[in-house]
Full PDB file with SEQRES, HELIX, SHEET, SSBOND, CRYST1, ORIGX, SCALE, CONECT and MASTER records, all heavy atoms in Angstrom:
SEQRES   1 A   31  LYS ASN THR LYS LEU GLN MET LEU PHE ARG GLY GLN ASN          
SEQRES   2 A   31  ILE LEU GLY TYR ARG PRO TYR ALA ASP ASP VAL VAL GLU          
SEQRES   3 A   31  TYR PHE VAL GLN LYS                                          
HELIX    1 AA1 GLY A   11  ASN A   13  5                                   3    
HELIX    2 AA2 ASP A   22  GLN A   30  1                                   9    
CRYST1    1.000    1.000    1.000  90.00  90.00  90.00 P 1           1          
ORIGX1      1.000000  0.000000  0.000000        0.00000                         
ORIGX2      0.000000  1.000000  0.000000        0.00000                         
ORIGX3      0.000000  0.000000  1.000000        0.00000                         
SCALE1      1.000000  0.000000  0.000000        0.00000                         
SCALE2      0.000000  1.000000  0.000000        0.00000                         
SCALE3      0.000000  0.000000  1.000000        0.00000                         
ATOM      1  N   LYS A   1       9.451-123.447  26.102  1.00  0.00           N  
ATOM      2  CA  LYS A   1       8.297-124.233  26.633  1.00  0.00           C  
ATOM      3  C   LYS A   1       8.858-125.448  27.350  1.00  0.00           C  
ATOM      4  O   LYS A   1       8.128-126.027  28.245  1.00  0.00           O  
ATOM      5  CB  LYS A   1       7.307-124.632  25.449  1.00  0.00           C  
ATOM      6  CG  LYS A   1       6.914-123.540  24.514  1.00  0.00           C  
ATOM      7  CD  LYS A   1       6.093-122.468  25.201  1.00  0.00           C  
ATOM      8  CE  LYS A   1       5.575-121.451  24.125  1.00  0.00           C  
ATOM      9  NZ  LYS A   1       4.918-120.346  24.745  1.00  0.00           N  
ATOM     10  N   ASN A   2       9.951-126.007  27.027  1.00  0.00           N  
ATOM     11  CA  ASN A   2      10.384-127.342  27.538  1.00  0.00           C  
ATOM     12  C   ASN A   2      11.778-127.285  28.210  1.00  0.00           C  
ATOM     13  O   ASN A   2      12.091-128.289  28.773  1.00  0.00           O  
ATOM     14  CB  ASN A   2      10.567-128.242  26.377  1.00  0.00           C  
ATOM     15  CG  ASN A   2       9.372-128.242  25.350  1.00  0.00           C  
ATOM     16  OD1 ASN A   2       8.295-128.526  25.749  1.00  0.00           O  
ATOM     17  ND2 ASN A   2       9.572-127.872  24.102  1.00  0.00           N  
ATOM     18  N   THR A   3      12.401-126.153  28.266  1.00  0.00           N  
ATOM     19  CA  THR A   3      13.690-126.072  28.732  1.00  0.00           C  
ATOM     20  C   THR A   3      13.802-125.207  30.044  1.00  0.00           C  
ATOM     21  O   THR A   3      13.202-124.148  30.178  1.00  0.00           O  
ATOM     22  CB  THR A   3      14.715-125.485  27.708  1.00  0.00           C  
ATOM     23  OG1 THR A   3      14.483-126.178  26.562  1.00  0.00           O  
ATOM     24  CG2 THR A   3      16.102-125.671  28.190  1.00  0.00           C  
ATOM     25  N   LYS A   4      14.559-125.708  31.019  1.00  0.00           N  
ATOM     26  CA  LYS A   4      14.719-124.926  32.286  1.00  0.00           C  
ATOM     27  C   LYS A   4      15.600-123.670  31.952  1.00  0.00           C  
ATOM     28  O   LYS A   4      16.653-123.872  31.279  1.00  0.00           O  
ATOM     29  CB  LYS A   4      15.348-125.763  33.408  1.00  0.00           C  
ATOM     30  CG  LYS A   4      14.347-126.847  33.887  1.00  0.00           C  
ATOM     31  CD  LYS A   4      14.964-127.604  34.962  1.00  0.00           C  
ATOM     32  CE  LYS A   4      13.896-128.703  35.502  1.00  0.00           C  
ATOM     33  NZ  LYS A   4      14.482-129.637  36.573  1.00  0.00           N  
ATOM     34  N   LEU A   5      15.324-122.554  32.609  1.00  0.00           N  
ATOM     35  CA  LEU A   5      16.128-121.431  32.427  1.00  0.00           C  
ATOM     36  C   LEU A   5      16.927-121.226  33.668  1.00  0.00           C  
ATOM     37  O   LEU A   5      16.465-121.276  34.786  1.00  0.00           O  
ATOM     38  CB  LEU A   5      15.177-120.098  32.272  1.00  0.00           C  
ATOM     39  CG  LEU A   5      14.374-120.222  30.983  1.00  0.00           C  
ATOM     40  CD1 LEU A   5      13.588-118.911  30.724  1.00  0.00           C  
ATOM     41  CD2 LEU A   5      15.199-120.549  29.736  1.00  0.00           C  
ATOM     42  N   GLN A   6      18.206-120.762  33.454  1.00  0.00           N  
ATOM     43  CA  GLN A   6      19.150-120.673  34.624  1.00  0.00           C  
ATOM     44  C   GLN A   6      19.809-119.269  34.588  1.00  0.00           C  
ATOM     45  O   GLN A   6      19.936-118.657  33.544  1.00  0.00           O  
ATOM     46  CB  GLN A   6      20.263-121.763  34.342  1.00  0.00           C  
ATOM     47  CG  GLN A   6      21.270-121.869  35.306  1.00  0.00           C  
ATOM     48  CD  GLN A   6      22.212-123.068  35.159  1.00  0.00           C  
ATOM     49  OE1 GLN A   6      21.640-124.113  34.854  1.00  0.00           O  
ATOM     50  NE2 GLN A   6      23.415-122.940  35.573  1.00  0.00           N  
ATOM     51  N   MET A   7      20.204-118.961  35.847  1.00  0.00           N  
ATOM     52  CA  MET A   7      20.802-117.598  35.927  1.00  0.00           C  
ATOM     53  C   MET A   7      22.117-117.658  36.916  1.00  0.00           C  
ATOM     54  O   MET A   7      22.177-118.739  37.702  1.00  0.00           O  
ATOM     55  CB  MET A   7      19.887-116.561  36.551  1.00  0.00           C  
ATOM     56  CG  MET A   7      19.591-116.727  38.047  1.00  0.00           C  
ATOM     57  SD  MET A   7      18.612-115.334  38.806  1.00  0.00           S  
ATOM     58  CE  MET A   7      19.888-114.075  38.782  1.00  0.00           C  
ATOM     59  N   LEU A   8      22.880-116.691  36.794  1.00  0.00           N  
ATOM     60  CA  LEU A   8      24.064-116.629  37.780  1.00  0.00           C  
ATOM     61  C   LEU A   8      23.820-115.452  38.723  1.00  0.00           C  
ATOM     62  O   LEU A   8      23.401-114.390  38.335  1.00  0.00           O  
ATOM     63  CB  LEU A   8      25.363-116.399  36.927  1.00  0.00           C  
ATOM     64  CG  LEU A   8      26.723-116.312  37.829  1.00  0.00           C  
ATOM     65  CD1 LEU A   8      26.984-117.720  38.399  1.00  0.00           C  
ATOM     66  CD2 LEU A   8      27.872-115.831  36.934  1.00  0.00           C  
ATOM     67  N   PHE A   9      24.169-115.782  39.979  1.00  0.00           N  
ATOM     68  CA  PHE A   9      23.737-114.839  41.102  1.00  0.00           C  
ATOM     69  C   PHE A   9      24.934-114.843  42.110  1.00  0.00           C  
ATOM     70  O   PHE A   9      25.507-115.810  42.458  1.00  0.00           O  
ATOM     71  CB  PHE A   9      22.501-115.562  41.872  1.00  0.00           C  
ATOM     72  CG  PHE A   9      21.801-114.776  42.805  1.00  0.00           C  
ATOM     73  CD1 PHE A   9      20.552-114.188  42.363  1.00  0.00           C  
ATOM     74  CD2 PHE A   9      22.188-114.634  44.177  1.00  0.00           C  
ATOM     75  CE1 PHE A   9      19.810-113.430  43.297  1.00  0.00           C  
ATOM     76  CE2 PHE A   9      21.431-113.969  45.068  1.00  0.00           C  
ATOM     77  CZ  PHE A   9      20.223-113.289  44.672  1.00  0.00           C  
ATOM     78  N   ARG A  10      25.338-113.573  42.394  1.00  0.00           N  
ATOM     79  CA  ARG A  10      26.552-113.281  43.260  1.00  0.00           C  
ATOM     80  C   ARG A  10      26.324-113.390  44.708  1.00  0.00           C  
ATOM     81  O   ARG A  10      26.821-112.502  45.468  1.00  0.00           O  
ATOM     82  CB  ARG A  10      27.257-112.165  42.824  1.00  0.00           C  
ATOM     83  CG  ARG A  10      27.762-111.960  41.383  1.00  0.00           C  
ATOM     84  CD  ARG A  10      28.478-110.680  41.145  1.00  0.00           C  
ATOM     85  NE  ARG A  10      28.659-110.505  39.650  1.00  0.00           N  
ATOM     86  CZ  ARG A  10      28.396-109.490  38.914  1.00  0.00           C  
ATOM     87  NH1 ARG A  10      27.753-108.465  39.521  1.00  0.00           N  
ATOM     88  NH2 ARG A  10      28.700-109.372  37.631  1.00  0.00           N  
ATOM     89  N   GLY A  11      25.472-114.307  45.195  1.00  0.00           N  
ATOM     90  CA  GLY A  11      25.259-114.402  46.605  1.00  0.00           C  
ATOM     91  C   GLY A  11      24.749-113.120  47.279  1.00  0.00           C  
ATOM     92  O   GLY A  11      23.854-112.567  46.653  1.00  0.00           O  
ATOM     93  N   GLN A  12      25.150-112.648  48.176  1.00  0.00           N  
ATOM     94  CA  GLN A  12      24.668-111.456  48.990  1.00  0.00           C  
ATOM     95  C   GLN A  12      24.902-110.239  48.125  1.00  0.00           C  
ATOM     96  O   GLN A  12      24.227-109.211  48.319  1.00  0.00           O  
ATOM     97  CB  GLN A  12      25.423-111.255  50.309  1.00  0.00           C  
ATOM     98  CG  GLN A  12      24.638-110.620  51.404  1.00  0.00           C  
ATOM     99  CD  GLN A  12      23.491-111.407  51.963  1.00  0.00           C  
ATOM    100  OE1 GLN A  12      23.566-112.713  51.916  1.00  0.00           O  
ATOM    101  NE2 GLN A  12      22.450-110.680  52.276  1.00  0.00           N  
ATOM    102  N   ASN A  13      25.831-110.277  47.091  1.00  0.00           N  
ATOM    103  CA  ASN A  13      25.908-109.136  46.125  1.00  0.00           C  
ATOM    104  C   ASN A  13      24.946-109.205  45.034  1.00  0.00           C  
ATOM    105  O   ASN A  13      24.909-108.257  44.159  1.00  0.00           O  
ATOM    106  CB  ASN A  13      27.368-109.194  45.390  1.00  0.00           C  
ATOM    107  CG  ASN A  13      28.457-108.927  46.464  1.00  0.00           C  
ATOM    108  OD1 ASN A  13      28.210-108.651  47.675  1.00  0.00           O  
ATOM    109  ND2 ASN A  13      29.668-108.967  46.058  1.00  0.00           N  
ATOM    110  N   ILE A  14      24.062-110.205  44.935  1.00  0.00           N  
ATOM    111  CA  ILE A  14      23.080-110.429  43.894  1.00  0.00           C  
ATOM    112  C   ILE A  14      23.669-110.311  42.491  1.00  0.00           C  
ATOM    113  O   ILE A  14      24.415-111.192  42.115  1.00  0.00           O  
ATOM    114  CB  ILE A  14      21.853-109.358  44.096  1.00  0.00           C  
ATOM    115  CG1 ILE A  14      21.370-109.401  45.569  1.00  0.00           C  
ATOM    116  CG2 ILE A  14      20.710-109.807  43.163  1.00  0.00           C  
ATOM    117  CD1 ILE A  14      20.290-108.444  45.908  1.00  0.00           C  
ATOM    118  N   LEU A  15      23.416-109.235  41.814  1.00  0.00           N  
ATOM    119  CA  LEU A  15      24.155-109.000  40.539  1.00  0.00           C  
ATOM    120  C   LEU A  15      24.874-107.772  40.460  1.00  0.00           C  
ATOM    121  O   LEU A  15      25.410-107.287  39.516  1.00  0.00           O  
ATOM    122  CB  LEU A  15      23.120-109.086  39.410  1.00  0.00           C  
ATOM    123  CG  LEU A  15      22.211-110.162  39.256  1.00  0.00           C  
ATOM    124  CD1 LEU A  15      21.173-109.987  38.193  1.00  0.00           C  
ATOM    125  CD2 LEU A  15      23.028-111.464  39.016  1.00  0.00           C  
ATOM    126  N   GLY A  16      25.118-107.150  41.681  1.00  0.00           N  
ATOM    127  CA  GLY A  16      25.827-105.897  41.884  1.00  0.00           C  
ATOM    128  C   GLY A  16      27.240-106.105  42.513  1.00  0.00           C  
ATOM    129  O   GLY A  16      27.738-107.285  42.341  1.00  0.00           O  
ATOM    130  N   TYR A  17      27.784-105.058  43.037  1.00  0.00           N  
ATOM    131  CA  TYR A  17      29.178-105.150  43.465  1.00  0.00           C  
ATOM    132  C   TYR A  17      29.340-104.924  44.947  1.00  0.00           C  
ATOM    133  O   TYR A  17      30.463-104.631  45.454  1.00  0.00           O  
ATOM    134  CB  TYR A  17      30.007-104.233  42.613  1.00  0.00           C  
ATOM    135  CG  TYR A  17      29.881-104.561  41.080  1.00  0.00           C  
ATOM    136  CD1 TYR A  17      29.085-103.796  40.275  1.00  0.00           C  
ATOM    137  CD2 TYR A  17      30.560-105.587  40.519  1.00  0.00           C  
ATOM    138  CE1 TYR A  17      28.961-104.112  38.978  1.00  0.00           C  
ATOM    139  CE2 TYR A  17      30.505-105.900  39.312  1.00  0.00           C  
ATOM    140  CZ  TYR A  17      29.651-105.221  38.413  1.00  0.00           C  
ATOM    141  OH  TYR A  17      29.521-105.453  37.079  1.00  0.00           O  
ATOM    142  N   ARG A  18      28.197-104.861  45.693  1.00  0.00           N  
ATOM    143  CA  ARG A  18      28.316-104.719  47.132  1.00  0.00           C  
ATOM    144  C   ARG A  18      27.425-105.652  47.843  1.00  0.00           C  
ATOM    145  O   ARG A  18      26.310-106.095  47.191  1.00  0.00           O  
ATOM    146  CB  ARG A  18      27.905-103.290  47.439  1.00  0.00           C  
ATOM    147  CG  ARG A  18      26.407-102.818  47.328  1.00  0.00           C  
ATOM    148  CD  ARG A  18      26.092-101.592  48.123  1.00  0.00           C  
ATOM    149  NE  ARG A  18      24.716-101.102  47.874  1.00  0.00           N  
ATOM    150  CZ  ARG A  18      23.693-101.519  48.770  1.00  0.00           C  
ATOM    151  NH1 ARG A  18      23.950-102.340  49.802  1.00  0.00           N  
ATOM    152  NH2 ARG A  18      22.509-100.996  48.579  1.00  0.00           N  
ATOM    153  N   PRO A  19      27.540-105.946  49.080  1.00  0.00           N  
ATOM    154  CA  PRO A  19      26.547-106.822  49.708  1.00  0.00           C  
ATOM    155  C   PRO A  19      25.287-106.037  50.023  1.00  0.00           C  
ATOM    156  O   PRO A  19      25.272-104.872  50.270  1.00  0.00           O  
ATOM    157  CB  PRO A  19      27.271-107.156  51.018  1.00  0.00           C  
ATOM    158  CG  PRO A  19      28.465-106.193  51.174  1.00  0.00           C  
ATOM    159  CD  PRO A  19      28.735-105.583  49.961  1.00  0.00           C  
ATOM    160  N   TYR A  20      24.126-106.742  49.846  1.00  0.00           N  
ATOM    161  CA  TYR A  20      22.885-106.105  50.061  1.00  0.00           C  
ATOM    162  C   TYR A  20      22.224-106.748  51.290  1.00  0.00           C  
ATOM    163  O   TYR A  20      22.538-107.790  51.731  1.00  0.00           O  
ATOM    164  CB  TYR A  20      21.946-106.314  48.829  1.00  0.00           C  
ATOM    165  CG  TYR A  20      22.461-105.530  47.552  1.00  0.00           C  
ATOM    166  CD1 TYR A  20      23.319-106.066  46.790  1.00  0.00           C  
ATOM    167  CD2 TYR A  20      21.939-104.215  47.345  1.00  0.00           C  
ATOM    168  CE1 TYR A  20      23.816-105.308  45.688  1.00  0.00           C  
ATOM    169  CE2 TYR A  20      22.457-103.462  46.317  1.00  0.00           C  
ATOM    170  CZ  TYR A  20      23.441-104.052  45.487  1.00  0.00           C  
ATOM    171  OH  TYR A  20      23.852-103.279  44.456  1.00  0.00           O  
ATOM    172  N   ALA A  21      21.162-105.976  51.890  1.00  0.00           N  
ATOM    173  CA  ALA A  21      20.508-106.543  53.060  1.00  0.00           C  
ATOM    174  C   ALA A  21      19.701-107.861  52.640  1.00  0.00           C  
ATOM    175  O   ALA A  21      19.342-108.026  51.503  1.00  0.00           O  
ATOM    176  CB  ALA A  21      19.577-105.428  53.557  1.00  0.00           C  
ATOM    177  N   ASP A  22      19.359-108.608  53.641  1.00  0.00           N  
ATOM    178  CA  ASP A  22      18.687-109.865  53.361  1.00  0.00           C  
ATOM    179  C   ASP A  22      17.424-109.637  52.686  1.00  0.00           C  
ATOM    180  O   ASP A  22      16.994-110.496  51.777  1.00  0.00           O  
ATOM    181  CB  ASP A  22      18.486-110.682  54.660  1.00  0.00           C  
ATOM    182  CG  ASP A  22      19.813-111.211  55.192  1.00  0.00           C  
ATOM    183  OD1 ASP A  22      20.782-111.377  54.440  1.00  0.00           O  
ATOM    184  OD2 ASP A  22      19.944-111.504  56.358  1.00  0.00           O  
ATOM    185  N   ASP A  23      16.662-108.567  52.987  1.00  0.00           N  
ATOM    186  CA  ASP A  23      15.357-108.461  52.396  1.00  0.00           C  
ATOM    187  C   ASP A  23      15.473-108.196  50.924  1.00  0.00           C  
ATOM    188  O   ASP A  23      14.567-108.590  50.143  1.00  0.00           O  
ATOM    189  CB  ASP A  23      14.510-107.334  53.161  1.00  0.00           C  
ATOM    190  CG  ASP A  23      15.121-106.014  52.984  1.00  0.00           C  
ATOM    191  OD1 ASP A  23      16.370-105.845  52.863  1.00  0.00           O  
ATOM    192  OD2 ASP A  23      14.292-105.025  53.293  1.00  0.00           O  
ATOM    193  N   VAL A  24      16.505-107.554  50.558  1.00  0.00           N  
ATOM    194  CA  VAL A  24      16.702-107.292  48.972  1.00  0.00           C  
ATOM    195  C   VAL A  24      17.003-108.649  48.302  1.00  0.00           C  
ATOM    196  O   VAL A  24      16.556-108.906  47.286  1.00  0.00           O  
ATOM    197  CB  VAL A  24      17.761-106.280  48.759  1.00  0.00           C  
ATOM    198  CG1 VAL A  24      17.948-105.997  47.220  1.00  0.00           C  
ATOM    199  CG2 VAL A  24      17.403-104.989  49.438  1.00  0.00           C  
ATOM    200  N   VAL A  25      17.892-109.370  48.940  1.00  0.00           N  
ATOM    201  CA  VAL A  25      18.301-110.752  48.363  1.00  0.00           C  
ATOM    202  C   VAL A  25      17.099-111.621  48.252  1.00  0.00           C  
ATOM    203  O   VAL A  25      16.850-112.163  47.158  1.00  0.00           O  
ATOM    204  CB  VAL A  25      19.396-111.341  49.200  1.00  0.00           C  
ATOM    205  CG1 VAL A  25      19.665-112.811  48.667  1.00  0.00           C  
ATOM    206  CG2 VAL A  25      20.650-110.524  49.312  1.00  0.00           C  
ATOM    207  N   GLU A  26      16.272-111.721  49.302  1.00  0.00           N  
ATOM    208  CA  GLU A  26      15.063-112.548  49.309  1.00  0.00           C  
ATOM    209  C   GLU A  26      14.099-112.126  48.250  1.00  0.00           C  
ATOM    210  O   GLU A  26      13.489-112.840  47.457  1.00  0.00           O  
ATOM    211  CB  GLU A  26      14.410-112.604  50.685  1.00  0.00           C  
ATOM    212  CG  GLU A  26      15.333-113.190  51.668  1.00  0.00           C  
ATOM    213  CD  GLU A  26      14.904-112.891  53.118  1.00  0.00           C  
ATOM    214  OE1 GLU A  26      14.092-111.998  53.369  1.00  0.00           O  
ATOM    215  OE2 GLU A  26      15.531-113.482  54.126  1.00  0.00           O  
ATOM    216  N   TYR A  27      13.955-110.821  48.085  1.00  0.00           N  
ATOM    217  CA  TYR A  27      12.953-110.268  47.118  1.00  0.00           C  
ATOM    218  C   TYR A  27      13.480-110.574  45.682  1.00  0.00           C  
ATOM    219  O   TYR A  27      12.629-110.856  44.759  1.00  0.00           O  
ATOM    220  CB  TYR A  27      12.666-108.814  47.372  1.00  0.00           C  
ATOM    221  CG  TYR A  27      11.534-108.241  46.659  1.00  0.00           C  
ATOM    222  CD1 TYR A  27      10.231-108.864  46.746  1.00  0.00           C  
ATOM    223  CD2 TYR A  27      11.523-107.065  45.855  1.00  0.00           C  
ATOM    224  CE1 TYR A  27       9.019-108.322  46.147  1.00  0.00           C  
ATOM    225  CE2 TYR A  27      10.455-106.575  45.265  1.00  0.00           C  
ATOM    226  CZ  TYR A  27       9.186-107.188  45.412  1.00  0.00           C  
ATOM    227  OH  TYR A  27       8.136-106.641  44.700  1.00  0.00           O  
ATOM    228  N   PHE A  28      14.768-110.328  45.585  1.00  0.00           N  
ATOM    229  CA  PHE A  28      15.287-110.637  44.207  1.00  0.00           C  
ATOM    230  C   PHE A  28      15.110-112.052  43.764  1.00  0.00           C  
ATOM    231  O   PHE A  28      14.762-112.448  42.626  1.00  0.00           O  
ATOM    232  CB  PHE A  28      16.683-110.297  44.089  1.00  0.00           C  
ATOM    233  CG  PHE A  28      17.283-110.032  42.682  1.00  0.00           C  
ATOM    234  CD1 PHE A  28      17.332-108.674  42.147  1.00  0.00           C  
ATOM    235  CD2 PHE A  28      17.475-111.082  41.865  1.00  0.00           C  
ATOM    236  CE1 PHE A  28      17.818-108.534  40.877  1.00  0.00           C  
ATOM    237  CE2 PHE A  28      17.900-110.863  40.502  1.00  0.00           C  
ATOM    238  CZ  PHE A  28      18.102-109.579  40.021  1.00  0.00           C  
ATOM    239  N   VAL A  29      15.308-113.016  44.708  1.00  0.00           N  
ATOM    240  CA  VAL A  29      15.164-114.496  44.435  1.00  0.00           C  
ATOM    241  C   VAL A  29      13.610-114.694  44.020  1.00  0.00           C  
ATOM    242  O   VAL A  29      13.314-115.361  43.115  1.00  0.00           O  
ATOM    243  CB  VAL A  29      15.642-115.351  45.504  1.00  0.00           C  
ATOM    244  CG1 VAL A  29      15.232-116.791  45.325  1.00  0.00           C  
ATOM    245  CG2 VAL A  29      17.144-115.206  45.707  1.00  0.00           C  
ATOM    246  N   GLN A  30      12.814-114.126  44.864  1.00  0.00           N  
ATOM    247  CA  GLN A  30      11.277-114.270  44.693  1.00  0.00           C  
ATOM    248  C   GLN A  30      10.966-113.816  43.256  1.00  0.00           C  
ATOM    249  O   GLN A  30      10.210-114.583  42.547  1.00  0.00           O  
ATOM    250  CB  GLN A  30      10.569-113.473  45.808  1.00  0.00           C  
ATOM    251  CG  GLN A  30       9.082-113.538  45.680  1.00  0.00           C  
ATOM    252  CD  GLN A  30       8.302-112.500  46.629  1.00  0.00           C  
ATOM    253  OE1 GLN A  30       8.916-112.361  47.715  1.00  0.00           O  
ATOM    254  NE2 GLN A  30       7.204-112.120  46.238  1.00  0.00           N  
ATOM    255  N   LYS A  31      11.413-112.717  42.916  1.00  0.00           N  
ATOM    256  CA  LYS A  31      10.967-112.024  41.523  1.00  0.00           C  
ATOM    257  C   LYS A  31      11.669-112.832  40.353  1.00  0.00           C  
ATOM    258  O   LYS A  31      11.058-113.005  39.345  1.00  0.00           O  
ATOM    259  CB  LYS A  31      11.286-110.636  41.602  1.00  0.00           C  
ATOM    260  CG  LYS A  31      10.384-109.762  42.344  1.00  0.00           C  
ATOM    261  CD  LYS A  31       8.874-109.898  41.873  1.00  0.00           C  
ATOM    262  CE  LYS A  31       7.911-109.004  42.590  1.00  0.00           C  
ATOM    263  NZ  LYS A  31       6.529-109.386  42.084  1.00  0.00           N  
TER     264      LYS A  31                                                      
MASTER        0    0    0    2    0    0    0    6  263    1    0    3          
END                                                                             
């Protein structure tokens, strides 16, 4: 209720192991 939640994000690779298209990166950040 009171604490900020944080995540680690691999840039264009998101949480995977290859680069993804910009629309996937943007949608992942949004969600």
